[in-house]
N, C-alpha and C. Protein backbone atom coordinates (compact mmCIF):
# COMPACT_ATOMS: atom_id res chain seq x y z
N MET A 1 -12.77 70.45 55.42
CA MET A 1 -13.50 68.99 55.63
C MET A 1 -14.27 68.37 54.75
N PRO A 2 -14.61 67.14 54.88
CA PRO A 2 -15.17 66.76 53.96
C PRO A 2 -17.48 66.67 54.34
N ALA A 3 -17.31 66.57 53.15
CA ALA A 3 -19.22 67.25 53.21
C ALA A 3 -19.99 65.36 54.06
N SER A 4 -21.02 65.57 54.99
CA SER A 4 -21.79 65.23 55.14
C SER A 4 -22.35 64.05 54.58
N GLN A 5 -22.86 63.07 55.40
CA GLN A 5 -23.20 61.74 54.27
C GLN A 5 -24.57 62.08 53.61
N ARG A 6 -25.52 63.79 54.14
CA ARG A 6 -26.39 64.10 54.05
C ARG A 6 -26.76 64.97 52.49
N GLU A 7 -25.83 65.46 53.03
CA GLU A 7 -24.90 67.43 51.56
C GLU A 7 -24.57 65.99 50.48
N GLN A 8 -24.16 65.47 50.57
CA GLN A 8 -23.23 64.49 49.72
C GLN A 8 -24.49 63.80 48.56
N ARG A 9 -26.17 63.08 49.66
CA ARG A 9 -26.27 62.43 49.28
C ARG A 9 -27.85 63.64 48.68
N LEU A 10 -27.71 64.98 48.62
CA LEU A 10 -28.28 65.95 48.20
C LEU A 10 -27.89 66.51 46.49
N VAL A 11 -26.66 67.21 47.25
CA VAL A 11 -25.65 66.04 45.65
C VAL A 11 -26.03 65.80 45.10
N ALA A 12 -26.29 64.54 45.51
CA ALA A 12 -26.25 63.34 44.40
C ALA A 12 -27.76 63.22 43.51
N GLU A 13 -28.16 63.87 44.02
CA GLU A 13 -30.68 63.50 43.76
C GLU A 13 -30.70 64.54 42.68
N ARG A 14 -29.15 66.22 43.14
CA ARG A 14 -29.23 66.50 41.95
C ARG A 14 -28.91 67.17 41.19
N ARG A 15 -27.42 66.26 41.45
CA ARG A 15 -26.93 65.81 39.87
C ARG A 15 -27.98 65.13 38.78
N ASP A 16 -28.91 64.10 39.82
CA ASP A 16 -29.62 62.88 38.48
C ASP A 16 -30.41 63.68 38.14
N ARG A 17 -31.35 65.08 38.93
CA ARG A 17 -32.31 65.34 38.59
C ARG A 17 -31.67 66.77 37.41
N VAL A 18 -30.87 66.89 37.36
CA VAL A 18 -30.42 67.93 36.38
C VAL A 18 -29.87 67.04 34.96
N LEU A 19 -28.64 65.44 34.71
CA LEU A 19 -28.94 64.40 33.95
C LEU A 19 -30.72 64.59 33.48
N ALA A 20 -31.64 64.25 34.09
CA ALA A 20 -32.52 64.04 34.21
C ALA A 20 -33.73 65.22 33.01
N LYS A 21 -33.11 66.59 33.69
CA LYS A 21 -34.24 67.75 32.83
C LYS A 21 -33.33 67.54 31.03
N ARG A 22 -31.49 67.58 31.19
CA ARG A 22 -31.34 67.88 30.08
C ARG A 22 -30.58 66.58 29.41
N SER A 23 -31.16 65.54 29.44
CA SER A 23 -32.79 64.49 28.55
C SER A 23 -33.29 64.96 28.19
N ALA A 24 -34.43 65.02 28.30
CA ALA A 24 -35.75 65.89 28.42
C ALA A 24 -35.59 67.01 27.33
N GLY A 25 -34.93 67.62 27.43
CA GLY A 25 -34.02 68.89 26.82
C GLY A 25 -33.70 70.05 26.82
N MET A 26 -33.56 70.41 28.52
CA MET A 26 -34.17 71.23 28.41
C MET A 26 -32.43 71.93 27.99
N THR A 27 -31.65 73.13 28.61
CA THR A 27 -30.41 74.05 27.85
C THR A 27 -29.76 73.98 30.04
N TYR A 28 -28.68 74.35 29.25
CA TYR A 28 -28.15 74.55 30.55
C TYR A 28 -28.28 75.66 31.31
N GLN A 29 -29.41 77.20 30.99
CA GLN A 29 -29.41 78.06 32.00
C GLN A 29 -30.62 77.95 32.39
N GLN A 30 -31.32 76.94 31.38
CA GLN A 30 -33.11 76.46 32.19
C GLN A 30 -32.60 75.62 32.60
N ILE A 31 -31.78 74.56 32.58
CA ILE A 31 -31.22 74.05 34.23
C ILE A 31 -31.88 74.75 35.20
N ALA A 32 -30.28 75.44 35.18
CA ALA A 32 -29.88 76.67 35.83
C ALA A 32 -30.66 76.98 36.85
N ASP A 33 -31.49 77.65 35.59
CA ASP A 33 -32.84 78.90 36.52
C ASP A 33 -34.25 77.60 37.43
N SER A 34 -34.56 75.83 36.73
CA SER A 34 -34.66 75.85 38.00
C SER A 34 -34.25 74.86 39.50
N GLU A 35 -33.22 75.39 38.86
CA GLU A 35 -32.53 74.08 39.78
C GLU A 35 -31.79 75.80 41.29
N PRO A 36 -33.02 76.48 42.44
CA PRO A 36 -31.80 76.97 42.97
C PRO A 36 -30.57 77.32 43.60
N SER A 37 -29.95 76.21 43.88
CA SER A 37 -28.71 75.32 44.23
C SER A 37 -27.76 76.26 43.04
N LEU A 38 -27.89 75.42 41.80
CA LEU A 38 -26.86 75.66 40.50
C LEU A 38 -27.49 77.44 41.09
N SER A 39 -26.33 78.60 40.74
CA SER A 39 -26.16 79.90 40.61
C SER A 39 -26.39 79.97 38.53
N THR A 40 -25.95 78.88 38.05
CA THR A 40 -25.54 79.51 36.52
C THR A 40 -25.40 78.52 35.83
N ALA A 41 -25.24 78.59 34.42
CA ALA A 41 -25.73 77.19 33.26
C ALA A 41 -24.04 76.31 33.45
N SER A 42 -23.10 76.92 34.21
CA SER A 42 -22.06 76.25 34.32
C SER A 42 -21.97 75.68 35.29
N ALA A 43 -22.69 75.77 36.25
CA ALA A 43 -22.51 75.24 37.96
C ALA A 43 -23.27 73.93 37.71
N ALA A 44 -24.12 73.40 36.01
CA ALA A 44 -25.42 72.79 35.37
C ALA A 44 -24.33 72.56 34.57
N VAL A 45 -22.97 72.54 33.96
CA VAL A 45 -22.63 71.78 33.19
C VAL A 45 -22.09 70.38 34.52
N GLN A 46 -21.64 71.53 34.76
CA GLN A 46 -20.07 70.56 36.00
C GLN A 46 -21.12 69.95 36.40
N ASP A 47 -22.13 70.03 36.80
CA ASP A 47 -22.66 68.77 37.81
C ASP A 47 -23.10 67.45 37.05
N ALA A 48 -23.84 68.06 35.35
CA ALA A 48 -23.93 67.04 34.63
C ALA A 48 -23.27 66.22 33.98
N ALA A 49 -21.50 66.65 34.05
CA ALA A 49 -20.68 65.57 33.79
C ALA A 49 -20.38 65.04 35.05
N ARG A 50 -19.61 66.06 36.43
CA ARG A 50 -19.88 65.40 37.03
C ARG A 50 -20.74 63.44 37.56
N ALA A 51 -22.81 63.34 37.43
CA ALA A 51 -23.05 62.55 37.22
C ALA A 51 -22.77 61.41 36.70
N LEU A 52 -23.01 62.14 34.87
CA LEU A 52 -21.67 60.63 34.41
C LEU A 52 -20.93 60.14 34.58
N LYS A 53 -19.95 61.03 34.90
CA LYS A 53 -18.72 60.18 35.91
C LYS A 53 -19.32 59.56 37.24
N ALA A 54 -19.85 59.56 37.59
CA ALA A 54 -20.20 58.38 38.56
C ALA A 54 -20.70 57.51 37.70
N HIS A 55 -22.32 58.04 36.45
CA HIS A 55 -23.53 57.55 36.42
C HIS A 55 -21.86 56.24 35.89
N ALA A 56 -21.15 56.10 34.69
CA ALA A 56 -20.21 55.32 33.81
C ALA A 56 -19.60 54.92 35.43
N SER A 57 -18.60 54.98 36.16
CA SER A 57 -17.46 54.68 37.57
C SER A 57 -18.90 52.71 37.43
N GLU A 58 -19.96 53.63 38.14
CA GLU A 58 -20.79 52.27 37.80
C GLU A 58 -21.11 51.64 37.31
N ARG A 59 -21.55 51.78 36.04
CA ARG A 59 -21.64 50.48 34.65
C ARG A 59 -20.67 49.49 34.49
N LEU A 60 -19.79 50.40 34.21
CA LEU A 60 -18.04 49.82 34.31
C LEU A 60 -17.89 48.69 35.26
N ARG A 61 -18.28 49.51 36.57
CA ARG A 61 -18.06 47.80 37.69
C ARG A 61 -18.71 47.41 37.80
N GLU A 62 -20.37 47.32 37.75
CA GLU A 62 -20.81 46.48 37.83
C GLU A 62 -20.87 45.70 36.10
N GLY A 63 -20.40 45.99 35.59
CA GLY A 63 -19.93 45.09 33.99
C GLY A 63 -21.20 45.25 33.36
N ASP A 64 -21.46 46.38 32.83
CA ASP A 64 -22.75 46.87 31.48
C ASP A 64 -22.37 46.36 31.00
N PRO A 65 -23.04 45.29 29.94
CA PRO A 65 -23.07 44.59 28.59
C PRO A 65 -23.13 45.63 27.86
N LEU A 66 -23.63 47.17 27.38
CA LEU A 66 -23.75 47.25 26.78
C LEU A 66 -22.18 48.57 26.76
N THR A 67 -22.81 49.14 27.72
CA THR A 67 -20.82 49.91 28.20
C THR A 67 -19.36 48.72 27.48
N LEU A 68 -18.87 47.90 27.56
CA LEU A 68 -18.51 47.22 27.02
C LEU A 68 -18.03 46.75 25.97
N GLU A 69 -20.25 46.21 25.52
CA GLU A 69 -19.15 46.64 23.88
C GLU A 69 -19.20 47.47 23.02
N LEU A 70 -20.05 48.96 23.94
CA LEU A 70 -18.69 50.30 22.78
C LEU A 70 -17.86 50.65 23.42
N GLU A 71 -17.40 49.69 24.25
CA GLU A 71 -15.54 49.82 24.73
C GLU A 71 -14.86 49.18 23.67
N ARG A 72 -14.73 48.29 23.19
CA ARG A 72 -14.97 47.18 22.42
C ARG A 72 -14.55 47.85 21.02
N LEU A 73 -16.45 48.45 20.37
CA LEU A 73 -16.34 48.80 19.22
C LEU A 73 -15.73 50.26 18.94
N ASP A 74 -15.16 50.07 20.16
CA ASP A 74 -13.91 51.65 19.60
C ASP A 74 -13.35 51.54 19.72
N GLN A 75 -12.34 50.15 20.09
CA GLN A 75 -10.65 49.78 19.87
C GLN A 75 -11.38 49.43 18.63
N LEU A 76 -11.60 48.57 18.30
CA LEU A 76 -12.98 48.25 16.51
C LEU A 76 -12.14 48.85 15.89
N GLU A 77 -12.59 50.05 16.17
CA GLU A 77 -12.46 52.10 15.10
C GLU A 77 -11.62 52.17 15.38
N ARG A 78 -10.55 52.69 16.35
CA ARG A 78 -10.21 53.12 16.99
C ARG A 78 -8.53 52.42 15.26
N ALA A 79 -8.91 50.75 15.65
CA ALA A 79 -7.68 49.99 14.79
C ALA A 79 -7.65 50.26 12.95
N ALA A 80 -9.82 50.59 12.72
CA ALA A 80 -9.24 51.36 11.18
C ALA A 80 -9.06 52.14 10.74
N GLN A 81 -9.19 53.60 11.97
CA GLN A 81 -9.04 54.61 11.82
C GLN A 81 -7.56 54.98 11.14
N THR A 82 -6.50 53.59 11.93
CA THR A 82 -5.15 53.95 11.78
C THR A 82 -4.60 52.98 10.74
N VAL A 83 -5.80 51.89 9.94
CA VAL A 83 -4.89 50.96 9.80
C VAL A 83 -5.46 52.77 7.62
N MET A 84 -6.36 52.87 7.86
CA MET A 84 -7.32 53.73 6.74
C MET A 84 -6.09 54.83 7.23
N ARG A 85 -5.86 55.64 7.72
CA ARG A 85 -4.90 56.64 8.19
C ARG A 85 -2.93 56.39 6.70
N THR A 86 -3.42 55.33 7.51
CA THR A 86 -0.98 54.36 7.16
C THR A 86 -1.21 54.60 6.06
N ALA A 87 -2.60 53.17 5.04
CA ALA A 87 -3.04 53.18 4.01
C ALA A 87 -2.62 54.64 3.04
N ALA A 88 -3.17 55.51 2.88
CA ALA A 88 -3.46 56.46 2.60
C ALA A 88 -2.31 57.80 2.78
N SER A 89 -1.69 57.68 3.51
CA SER A 89 -0.95 58.50 3.26
C SER A 89 0.59 58.33 3.57
N GLY A 90 0.86 56.60 2.52
CA GLY A 90 2.41 55.69 3.14
C GLY A 90 2.36 56.33 2.00
N PRO A 91 4.12 55.76 1.56
CA PRO A 91 4.51 55.94 -0.24
C PRO A 91 3.86 55.60 -0.56
N ALA A 92 3.18 54.82 -1.36
CA ALA A 92 2.68 54.46 -2.46
C ALA A 92 0.63 53.71 -1.56
N PRO A 93 0.53 55.01 -1.56
CA PRO A 93 -1.42 54.91 -0.98
C PRO A 93 -2.40 54.31 -1.96
N SER A 94 -2.96 52.91 -1.04
CA SER A 94 -3.27 51.70 -1.24
C SER A 94 -4.87 52.30 -1.32
N PRO A 95 -4.90 52.24 -2.50
CA PRO A 95 -7.17 52.80 -2.11
C PRO A 95 -8.13 51.39 -1.33
N GLY A 96 -7.23 50.44 -2.59
CA GLY A 96 -8.41 49.47 -2.10
C GLY A 96 -8.81 48.95 -0.33
N LEU A 97 -7.12 49.19 0.14
CA LEU A 97 -7.20 49.36 1.39
C LEU A 97 -8.24 50.00 2.27
N VAL A 98 -8.42 51.70 1.75
CA VAL A 98 -8.37 52.14 2.41
C VAL A 98 -10.13 51.78 2.19
N LEU A 99 -10.60 51.51 0.72
CA LEU A 99 -12.20 51.48 1.08
C LEU A 99 -12.85 50.17 1.56
N LYS A 100 -11.60 49.22 2.20
CA LYS A 100 -12.19 47.98 3.13
C LYS A 100 -12.14 48.75 4.84
N ALA A 101 -10.40 49.80 5.03
CA ALA A 101 -11.26 49.90 6.41
C ALA A 101 -12.45 51.49 6.33
N ILE A 102 -12.95 51.57 5.12
CA ILE A 102 -13.78 52.46 5.59
C ILE A 102 -14.82 51.55 5.26
N ASP A 103 -15.69 51.10 4.99
CA ASP A 103 -16.75 49.91 4.87
C ASP A 103 -16.96 48.81 6.08
N ARG A 104 -15.56 48.76 7.09
CA ARG A 104 -14.91 48.13 7.59
C ARG A 104 -15.50 49.51 8.99
N LEU A 105 -15.16 51.00 9.33
CA LEU A 105 -15.62 51.61 10.46
C LEU A 105 -17.20 51.73 9.79
N THR A 106 -17.89 51.32 8.83
CA THR A 106 -19.20 52.01 7.76
C THR A 106 -19.84 50.34 9.06
N ARG A 107 -19.45 49.20 8.85
CA ARG A 107 -20.15 48.61 9.53
C ARG A 107 -20.23 48.23 11.44
N ILE A 108 -18.42 48.76 11.73
CA ILE A 108 -19.12 49.24 13.20
C ILE A 108 -20.15 50.50 13.92
N SER A 109 -20.38 51.53 12.72
CA SER A 109 -20.75 52.26 12.38
C SER A 109 -22.39 52.17 13.06
N ALA A 110 -22.67 51.38 11.81
CA ALA A 110 -23.57 50.26 12.08
C ALA A 110 -24.33 49.80 13.35
N ARG A 111 -23.26 48.68 13.46
CA ARG A 111 -23.35 48.33 15.07
C ARG A 111 -23.56 48.90 16.47
N ARG A 112 -22.53 49.95 16.64
CA ARG A 112 -22.95 51.00 17.25
C ARG A 112 -23.70 51.82 18.02
N SER A 113 -24.85 51.78 16.50
CA SER A 113 -25.91 52.05 16.42
C SER A 113 -27.57 51.45 15.82
N ALA A 114 -27.25 50.05 16.19
CA ALA A 114 -27.83 49.27 17.21
C ALA A 114 -28.72 49.16 17.99
N LEU A 115 -26.96 48.92 18.01
CA LEU A 115 -26.68 49.40 19.66
C LEU A 115 -27.97 50.02 20.24
N LEU A 116 -27.01 50.97 19.64
CA LEU A 116 -27.99 52.29 20.63
C LEU A 116 -29.45 53.36 20.90
N GLY A 117 -30.33 52.18 19.10
CA GLY A 117 -31.76 52.52 18.60
C GLY A 117 -32.12 53.46 18.53
N LEU A 118 -30.15 53.65 17.48
CA LEU A 118 -30.04 54.65 16.97
C LEU A 118 -30.90 55.30 15.79
N SER A 119 -31.92 54.35 14.81
CA SER A 119 -33.18 54.09 14.61
C SER A 119 -34.30 54.84 14.38
N ASN A 120 -34.89 55.57 16.22
CA ASN A 120 -36.31 55.27 16.41
C ASN A 120 -35.30 56.55 17.67
N VAL A 121 -34.54 57.37 16.62
CA VAL A 121 -34.40 58.64 17.72
C VAL A 121 -35.60 59.77 17.73
N LEU A 122 -36.15 59.89 16.93
CA LEU A 122 -36.86 61.09 15.90
C LEU A 122 -37.65 60.35 16.39
N GLN A 123 -38.92 60.94 15.96
CA GLN A 123 -40.13 60.43 17.19
C GLN A 123 -41.23 61.44 15.37
N PRO A 124 -42.15 60.97 15.02
CA PRO A 124 -42.64 61.21 13.80
C PRO A 124 -42.89 62.68 13.69
N ASN A 125 -43.33 63.50 14.11
CA ASN A 125 -42.96 64.43 14.21
C ASN A 125 -41.15 65.76 13.81
N GLY A 126 -40.63 65.12 14.47
CA GLY A 126 -39.21 65.10 14.33
C GLY A 126 -38.25 65.82 15.17
N GLU A 127 -39.16 65.64 15.92
CA GLU A 127 -38.65 66.13 17.59
C GLU A 127 -37.20 64.50 18.62
N ARG A 128 -37.20 64.94 18.60
CA ARG A 128 -35.46 64.35 19.64
C ARG A 128 -36.78 63.67 21.03
N GLN A 129 -36.35 61.78 20.80
CA GLN A 129 -37.52 61.87 21.93
C GLN A 129 -36.12 61.36 23.00
N PRO A 130 -36.79 61.76 24.41
CA PRO A 130 -35.70 61.26 25.22
C PRO A 130 -35.15 60.20 24.98
N ASN A 131 -34.31 59.48 25.47
CA ASN A 131 -33.43 58.09 25.42
C ASN A 131 -32.51 58.14 26.24
N GLY A 132 -32.03 58.21 26.32
CA GLY A 132 -30.77 58.37 27.25
C GLY A 132 -29.60 58.13 27.08
N LEU A 133 -29.70 59.14 25.39
CA LEU A 133 -28.58 59.05 24.47
C LEU A 133 -27.63 59.85 24.90
N ASP A 134 -27.83 60.80 25.40
CA ASP A 134 -26.31 62.20 25.50
C ASP A 134 -25.12 61.88 26.79
N GLU A 135 -25.92 60.39 27.44
CA GLU A 135 -24.69 59.62 28.59
C GLU A 135 -24.14 59.15 27.68
N VAL A 136 -24.86 58.36 26.92
CA VAL A 136 -23.75 57.76 26.14
C VAL A 136 -22.49 57.94 25.73
N ALA A 137 -23.34 59.81 24.52
CA ALA A 137 -22.62 60.77 23.88
C ALA A 137 -21.68 61.40 24.21
N ALA A 138 -21.74 62.38 25.91
CA ALA A 138 -21.19 62.38 26.57
C ALA A 138 -19.26 60.96 27.44
N GLN A 139 -19.91 60.05 27.81
CA GLN A 139 -19.52 59.33 28.18
C GLN A 139 -18.06 58.72 26.43
N ARG A 140 -18.67 58.68 25.79
CA ARG A 140 -17.78 58.24 24.59
C ARG A 140 -16.76 59.81 23.44
N ARG A 141 -17.79 61.26 24.40
CA ARG A 141 -16.78 62.21 24.11
C ARG A 141 -15.60 62.80 25.01
N LYS A 142 -16.14 61.75 26.01
CA LYS A 142 -14.86 62.25 27.28
C LYS A 142 -14.04 61.17 26.93
N ARG A 143 -13.80 59.82 26.48
CA ARG A 143 -13.15 58.97 26.31
C ARG A 143 -12.50 59.00 25.09
N ARG A 144 -13.20 59.76 24.14
CA ARG A 144 -12.40 59.81 23.76
C ARG A 144 -10.91 60.89 23.29
N ALA A 145 -11.49 62.29 24.00
CA ALA A 145 -10.63 63.42 24.18
C ALA A 145 -9.88 62.92 25.22
N ALA A 146 -10.25 61.60 26.08
CA ALA A 146 -9.14 60.98 27.27
C ALA A 146 -7.94 59.94 27.04
N GLN A 147 -8.35 59.69 25.37
CA GLN A 147 -7.21 58.77 24.92
C GLN A 147 -6.60 59.50 22.81
N GLY A 148 -7.04 61.02 23.30
CA GLY A 148 -6.58 62.61 22.26
C GLY A 148 -6.75 62.13 20.58
N TRP A 149 -8.92 62.16 20.07
CA TRP A 149 -8.53 61.13 19.14
C TRP A 149 -9.33 63.03 18.60
């Protein structure tokens, strides 16, 4: 029997709290210890993963410009990686083409960094700022894993 609407709402709220705590720098074990309904760190990991999946599908459904642009950059990166691997491993390797592909990959990376604000990730004292990048990174890892990267 499916969970009631109230139970679904409570689980969604808990998952949002788990994501907030994770982006604030808490470990999964600390999160599990702070949430009475989570018995293990693995349960916190699972909650975070499910929350990210829900948020990602919402963002894609809404046509989030950042998500769409990151998807485009991922496609360009895959194409450049393919060119680089082919040029480097063919019967007559083409160093010029490999270097062009590397340059293109660097430019894609710079564009992605600018979009995500990665230049402002560290505070002056060297500590990491919580800025939602964990969610984006997790989404990218999932997409890449699903595509065999």
